[in-house]
Amino acid sequence: MHLVRYQSPGGPVVGVRTGDTVAPIEGVGSFAELLRLTVDELRIAVAKLGEPVPADGVRFLPPLDGRGEVWCAGVTYERSMSARMEESTEQSVYDKVYTADRPELFQKAPAWRVVADGEPVGIRVDSGHDVPEPELAVVANSHGQIVGFTVCNDMSSRSIEGVNPLYVPQAKLFAGGCALAAGIRPAWEVANPRDLTIDLVIKRGDAEVFSGTTSTAKLVRDLQELIDVLFVPNDFPDGVILATGTGIVPELDFALAEGDVITITIAEVGTLTNTVAVGREPFRFLATENLEEKR
């Protein structure tokens, strides 16, 4: 089962996808409403479904709306630490973050900036060295409880961050920089989120130009601890999604190019596929679409 948002003639619908069908959740009009519920309330709500329809042909939307936000945790895998040290002029910063009591957390995107499975992801025109970052994303309700998991592509400019760690916002926050899989796998259906295989494949035309595999077992941070730290100074009235960092980073001689197809698969959670576009123009639709009717 996956909790999903999908487009209908009357606007976005919140539903449950099971196999080849999707059904609306009765009495729930948005993901924001869903993520205001406690875990127990959520389990009751998703059992009350309307008439199912074939999932084939349905346009799925990002599983976040309203005042929902996406945040990220950085340097949570040893591979991420070593990659950042390779690219950076300030190497010791990343070693200190990896071993520190306080995790690195930063805002990635509000709900309206998130792209969905099948939509393009972006790279900056002024970067020159960009990579995807495949990450397990934790979904928390407004009460700070973990209610599910999804797949996040935390796109990143290695060239910009490598010049100075203070450029992280520019290296991370840009048009098409955050993609989420179409559905959220409920937390009660994932036996052990700290033992999930993550696979990344990048194709350029018909050729596979990069692939990598890691496991959430290599995460140095506890998932609930990350959420708890995030909630200390902040309220998230419509829920929050926290991408938990990447354990797959290509070598320095690899960079994404326009048209590359990125596929991220996380066992028991889902798959996310996007094609690389360059600059702001391919993502004008995020700012111009009627949010209530289309996003």
Protein backbone atom coordinates (compact mmCIF):
# COMPACT_ATOMS: atom_id res chain seq x y z
CA MET A 1 0.00 0.00 0.00
CA HIS A 2 1.09 3.56 -0.80
CA LEU A 3 -0.53 6.83 0.23
CA VAL A 4 -0.81 8.97 -2.90
CA ARG A 5 -2.07 12.22 -4.38
CA TYR A 6 -3.45 12.10 -7.89
CA GLN A 7 -5.18 14.37 -10.34
CA SER A 8 -8.91 14.16 -10.97
CA PRO A 9 -11.23 16.40 -13.01
CA GLY A 10 -12.21 18.14 -9.79
CA GLY A 11 -8.68 18.64 -8.50
CA PRO A 12 -6.13 16.67 -6.47
CA VAL A 13 -7.38 13.59 -4.64
CA VAL A 14 -5.77 11.84 -1.67
CA GLY A 15 -5.90 8.08 -1.92
CA VAL A 16 -4.38 4.67 -1.43
CA ARG A 17 -2.68 2.76 -4.20
CA THR A 18 -2.74 -1.00 -3.89
CA GLY A 19 -1.37 -3.01 -6.78
CA ASP A 20 -2.94 -1.80 -10.03
CA THR A 21 -5.73 0.28 -8.49
CA VAL A 22 -6.07 3.52 -6.57
CA ALA A 23 -8.97 4.52 -4.33
CA PRO A 24 -9.80 7.85 -2.64
CA ILE A 25 -9.65 8.15 1.14
CA GLU A 26 -13.11 9.18 2.26
CA GLY A 27 -13.36 12.41 4.23
CA VAL A 28 -9.78 13.53 3.53
CA GLY A 29 -9.29 16.37 1.07
CA SER A 30 -5.53 16.93 1.22
CA PHE A 31 -2.25 15.45 2.38
CA ALA A 32 -2.07 18.30 4.87
CA GLU A 33 -5.21 16.93 6.53
CA LEU A 34 -3.75 13.42 6.49
CA LEU A 35 -0.50 14.54 8.12
CA ARG A 36 -2.33 16.34 10.92
CA LEU A 37 -3.55 12.97 12.18
CA THR A 38 -1.76 10.85 14.77
CA VAL A 39 -0.40 7.48 13.64
CA ASP A 40 -3.41 5.69 15.13
CA GLU A 41 -5.86 8.10 13.51
CA LEU A 42 -4.08 7.76 10.19
CA ARG A 43 -4.36 3.98 10.23
CA ILE A 44 -8.11 4.29 10.75
CA ALA A 45 -8.49 6.96 8.04
CA VAL A 46 -6.71 5.01 5.30
CA ALA A 47 -9.02 2.04 5.83
CA LYS A 48 -12.04 4.08 4.70
CA LEU A 49 -11.78 4.02 0.94
CA GLY A 50 -14.06 4.95 -1.92
CA GLU A 51 -14.48 3.23 -5.27
CA PRO A 52 -11.14 2.07 -6.75
CA VAL A 53 -10.10 2.94 -10.30
CA PRO A 54 -7.24 1.59 -12.46
CA ALA A 55 -3.93 3.27 -11.59
CA ASP A 56 -2.81 3.06 -15.20
CA GLY A 57 -3.20 6.48 -16.77
CA VAL A 58 -3.64 8.33 -13.46
CA ARG A 59 -1.44 11.40 -13.06
CA PHE A 60 0.24 11.10 -9.67
CA LEU A 61 1.29 14.26 -7.86
CA PRO A 62 3.98 14.81 -5.21
CA PRO A 63 2.87 13.33 -1.86
CA LEU A 64 2.94 16.70 -0.12
CA ASP A 65 0.78 19.82 -0.25
CA GLY A 66 -0.39 22.83 1.74
CA ARG A 67 2.28 24.11 4.11
CA GLY A 68 4.24 20.87 3.90
CA GLU A 69 8.00 21.13 3.54
CA VAL A 70 10.93 18.96 2.51
CA TRP A 71 14.09 19.12 4.62
CA CYS A 72 17.36 17.24 4.29
CA ALA A 73 19.99 15.80 6.60
CA GLY A 74 23.56 16.00 5.38
CA VAL A 75 26.71 13.93 5.84
CA THR A 76 24.91 10.98 7.41
CA TYR A 77 26.85 8.28 5.55
CA GLU A 78 30.61 7.76 5.53
CA ARG A 79 30.59 7.88 1.71
CA SER A 80 28.90 11.29 1.81
CA MET A 81 31.53 12.56 4.23
CA SER A 82 34.42 11.34 2.08
CA ALA A 83 32.88 12.70 -1.14
CA ARG A 84 32.33 16.13 0.38
CA MET A 85 35.91 16.16 1.65
CA GLU A 86 37.19 15.25 -1.83
CA GLU A 87 35.37 18.14 -3.49
CA SER A 88 35.73 20.81 -0.82
CA THR A 89 38.35 23.42 -0.03
CA GLU A 90 37.24 23.17 3.62
CA GLN A 91 37.52 19.43 4.24
CA SER A 92 37.46 19.38 8.04
CA VAL A 93 33.93 20.84 8.14
CA TYR A 94 32.41 17.61 6.86
CA ASP A 95 34.37 15.34 9.18
CA LYS A 96 33.17 17.40 12.14
CA VAL A 97 29.52 17.24 11.00
CA TYR A 98 29.64 13.47 10.53
CA THR A 99 30.79 12.87 14.11
CA ALA A 100 28.98 15.77 15.83
CA ASP A 101 26.11 15.39 18.27
CA ARG A 102 24.04 17.87 16.27
CA PRO A 103 23.13 16.74 12.73
CA GLU A 104 23.27 18.97 9.67
CA LEU A 105 19.69 19.86 8.69
CA PHE A 106 18.58 22.27 5.98
CA GLN A 107 15.37 23.18 4.20
CA LYS A 108 15.14 21.78 0.68
CA ALA A 109 11.77 22.83 -0.74
CA PRO A 110 8.22 23.86 0.13
CA ALA A 111 5.54 21.54 -1.22
CA TRP A 112 4.88 23.62 -4.34
CA ARG A 113 8.51 23.34 -5.53
CA VAL A 114 8.63 19.53 -5.39
CA VAL A 115 8.57 17.57 -8.66
CA ALA A 116 6.96 14.16 -8.94
CA ASP A 117 7.96 10.84 -10.39
CA GLY A 118 8.16 11.18 -14.19
CA GLU A 119 8.64 14.95 -14.14
CA PRO A 120 12.03 16.56 -14.87
CA VAL A 121 14.70 17.31 -12.29
CA GLY A 122 16.98 20.29 -12.70
CA ILE A 123 20.59 21.32 -12.75
CA ARG A 124 21.78 24.90 -12.54
CA VAL A 125 23.11 26.69 -15.63
CA ASP A 126 25.97 28.13 -13.56
CA SER A 127 27.16 24.91 -11.94
CA GLY A 128 28.81 22.46 -14.34
CA HIS A 129 29.10 19.58 -11.88
CA ASP A 130 25.81 18.19 -10.64
CA VAL A 131 24.79 14.81 -9.24
CA PRO A 132 21.66 13.13 -7.89
CA GLU A 133 21.53 12.12 -4.25
CA PRO A 134 19.28 9.08 -3.67
CA GLU A 135 17.84 9.18 -0.18
CA LEU A 136 15.35 7.46 2.07
CA ALA A 137 12.86 10.15 3.05
CA VAL A 138 11.07 9.99 6.40
CA VAL A 139 7.51 11.34 6.50
CA ALA A 140 6.49 12.88 9.82
CA ASN A 141 3.07 14.15 10.85
CA SER A 142 2.45 17.44 12.62
CA HIS A 143 2.98 15.64 15.95
CA GLY A 144 6.55 14.63 15.08
CA GLN A 145 5.65 10.96 14.63
CA ILE A 146 7.11 8.97 11.75
CA VAL A 147 4.16 7.81 9.66
CA GLY A 148 5.84 6.64 6.45
CA PHE A 149 8.71 6.58 4.01
CA THR A 150 9.27 7.63 0.43
CA VAL A 151 12.09 8.11 -2.09
CA CYS A 152 13.81 11.49 -2.52
CA ASN A 153 16.27 12.75 -5.11
CA ASP A 154 18.15 15.59 -3.42
CA MET A 155 19.83 17.10 -6.49
CA SER A 156 23.13 18.79 -5.69
CA SER A 157 25.73 21.05 -7.31
CA ARG A 158 29.11 19.68 -6.28
CA SER A 159 31.01 22.55 -7.89
CA ILE A 160 29.15 25.23 -5.93
CA GLU A 161 29.26 23.49 -2.55
CA GLY A 162 32.89 22.54 -3.10
CA VAL A 163 33.99 26.17 -3.29
CA ASN A 164 32.62 27.01 0.15
CA PRO A 165 30.30 25.11 2.55
CA LEU A 166 28.40 28.37 3.10
CA TYR A 167 27.15 28.00 -0.49
CA VAL A 168 25.07 24.94 0.48
CA PRO A 169 21.75 26.79 -0.02
CA GLN A 170 22.76 27.65 -3.60
CA ALA A 171 24.05 24.13 -4.21
CA LYS A 172 20.82 22.57 -2.97
CA LEU A 173 17.88 24.93 -3.53
CA PHE A 174 17.04 25.55 -7.17
CA ALA A 175 14.35 24.84 -9.77
CA GLY A 176 13.81 21.10 -10.09
CA GLY A 177 16.21 20.35 -7.26
CA CYS A 178 13.86 18.14 -5.22
CA ALA A 179 11.93 15.11 -6.46
CA LEU A 180 9.75 12.69 -4.51
CA ALA A 181 8.34 9.31 -5.49
CA ALA A 182 4.62 9.17 -6.16
CA GLY A 183 3.67 7.38 -2.96
CA ILE A 184 4.37 7.10 0.75
CA ARG A 185 4.77 3.60 2.19
CA PRO A 186 3.16 3.57 5.65
CA ALA A 187 5.64 3.09 8.47
CA TRP A 188 3.73 0.10 9.84
CA GLU A 189 4.38 -1.78 6.58
CA VAL A 190 8.18 -1.35 6.67
CA ALA A 191 9.65 -3.93 9.05
CA ASN A 192 13.08 -2.33 9.45
CA PRO A 193 13.79 1.04 7.80
CA ARG A 194 17.42 0.73 8.93
CA ASP A 195 17.98 -2.25 6.63
CA LEU A 196 16.78 -1.15 3.18
CA THR A 197 18.75 -1.44 -0.05
CA ILE A 198 19.05 1.76 -2.12
CA ASP A 199 19.91 1.49 -5.83
CA LEU A 200 20.79 4.29 -8.24
CA VAL A 201 21.01 3.92 -12.03
CA ILE A 202 21.76 6.76 -14.47
CA LYS A 203 21.27 6.26 -18.20
CA ARG A 204 22.47 8.50 -21.03
CA GLY A 205 20.58 7.42 -24.10
CA ASP A 206 20.76 3.64 -24.16
CA ALA A 207 23.96 3.49 -22.09
CA GLU A 208 24.17 3.05 -18.35
CA VAL A 209 26.74 5.65 -17.27
CA PHE A 210 26.56 5.14 -13.52
CA SER A 211 25.12 2.74 -10.98
CA GLY A 212 25.54 2.37 -7.26
CA THR A 213 24.10 0.56 -4.26
CA THR A 214 24.04 1.22 -0.55
CA SER A 215 21.96 0.35 2.50
CA THR A 216 20.25 2.40 5.17
CA ALA A 217 22.14 0.17 7.61
CA LYS A 218 25.09 2.52 6.94
CA LEU A 219 23.23 5.56 8.26
CA VAL A 220 25.07 7.07 11.20
CA ARG A 221 21.96 8.84 12.55
CA ASP A 222 18.79 7.48 14.16
CA LEU A 223 15.69 8.34 12.13
CA GLN A 224 13.47 9.45 15.02
CA GLU A 225 16.36 11.44 16.47
CA LEU A 226 16.62 13.42 13.21
CA ILE A 227 12.90 14.19 13.34
CA ASP A 228 13.11 15.15 17.01
CA VAL A 229 15.93 17.63 16.34
CA LEU A 230 13.99 19.10 13.42
CA PHE A 231 10.92 19.65 15.61
CA VAL A 232 12.74 21.32 18.52
CA PRO A 233 12.57 24.85 17.03
CA ASN A 234 9.85 24.34 14.37
CA ASP A 235 6.18 23.56 13.94
CA PHE A 236 5.11 21.63 10.85
CA PRO A 237 1.31 21.99 10.88
CA ASP A 238 0.91 20.14 7.57
CA GLY A 239 3.67 17.59 8.10
CA VAL A 240 7.25 17.40 6.88
CA ILE A 241 9.37 15.06 4.79
CA LEU A 242 13.02 14.67 5.82
CA ALA A 243 15.47 13.16 3.35
CA THR A 244 18.04 11.34 5.45
CA GLY A 245 21.22 11.76 3.38
CA THR A 246 22.95 9.80 0.67
CA GLY A 247 25.35 6.88 0.73
CA ILE A 248 25.87 6.93 -3.06
CA VAL A 249 28.02 9.69 -4.59
CA PRO A 250 29.66 9.28 -8.04
CA GLU A 251 33.37 9.86 -8.39
CA LEU A 252 34.54 13.39 -9.17
CA ASP A 253 34.93 12.66 -12.89
CA PHE A 254 31.16 12.12 -13.29
CA ALA A 255 28.61 14.87 -13.84
CA LEU A 256 25.00 14.80 -14.96
CA ALA A 257 24.05 16.01 -18.43
CA GLU A 258 20.78 17.20 -19.93
CA GLY A 259 18.59 14.25 -20.88
CA ASP A 260 20.11 11.79 -18.39
CA VAL A 261 17.50 9.49 -16.85
CA ILE A 262 17.86 8.91 -13.10
CA THR A 263 16.18 5.95 -11.42
CA ILE A 264 16.28 5.44 -7.65
CA THR A 265 14.81 2.33 -6.04
CA ILE A 266 14.51 1.71 -2.32
CA ALA A 267 13.46 -1.77 -1.25
CA GLU A 268 9.98 -1.91 0.33
CA VAL A 269 9.49 1.82 -0.29
CA GLY A 270 9.30 2.62 -4.01
CA THR A 271 10.93 3.87 -7.20
CA LEU A 272 11.56 7.38 -8.50
CA THR A 273 12.48 8.16 -12.13
CA ASN A 274 13.24 11.61 -13.55
CA THR A 275 14.95 13.09 -16.61
CA VAL A 276 17.49 15.90 -16.23
CA ALA A 277 16.64 19.38 -17.53
CA VAL A 278 18.76 22.54 -17.34
CA GLY A 279 17.86 25.95 -15.92
CA ARG A 280 14.63 27.54 -14.71
CA GLU A 281 12.47 27.42 -17.82
CA PRO A 282 11.52 23.69 -17.68
CA PHE A 283 10.10 24.29 -14.20
CA ARG A 284 7.94 27.36 -14.82
CA PHE A 285 4.90 25.11 -14.40
CA LEU A 286 5.64 24.79 -10.68
CA ALA A 287 5.16 28.53 -10.21
CA THR A 288 2.34 29.09 -12.69
CA GLU A 289 0.01 26.13 -12.17
CA ASN A 290 -3.07 26.66 -10.05
CA LEU A 291 -1.95 24.99 -6.86
CA GLU A 292 -5.44 24.13 -5.69
CA GLU A 293 -6.51 22.57 -8.97
CA LYS A 294 -3.36 20.97 -10.35
CA ARG A 295 -0.70 20.51 -7.69
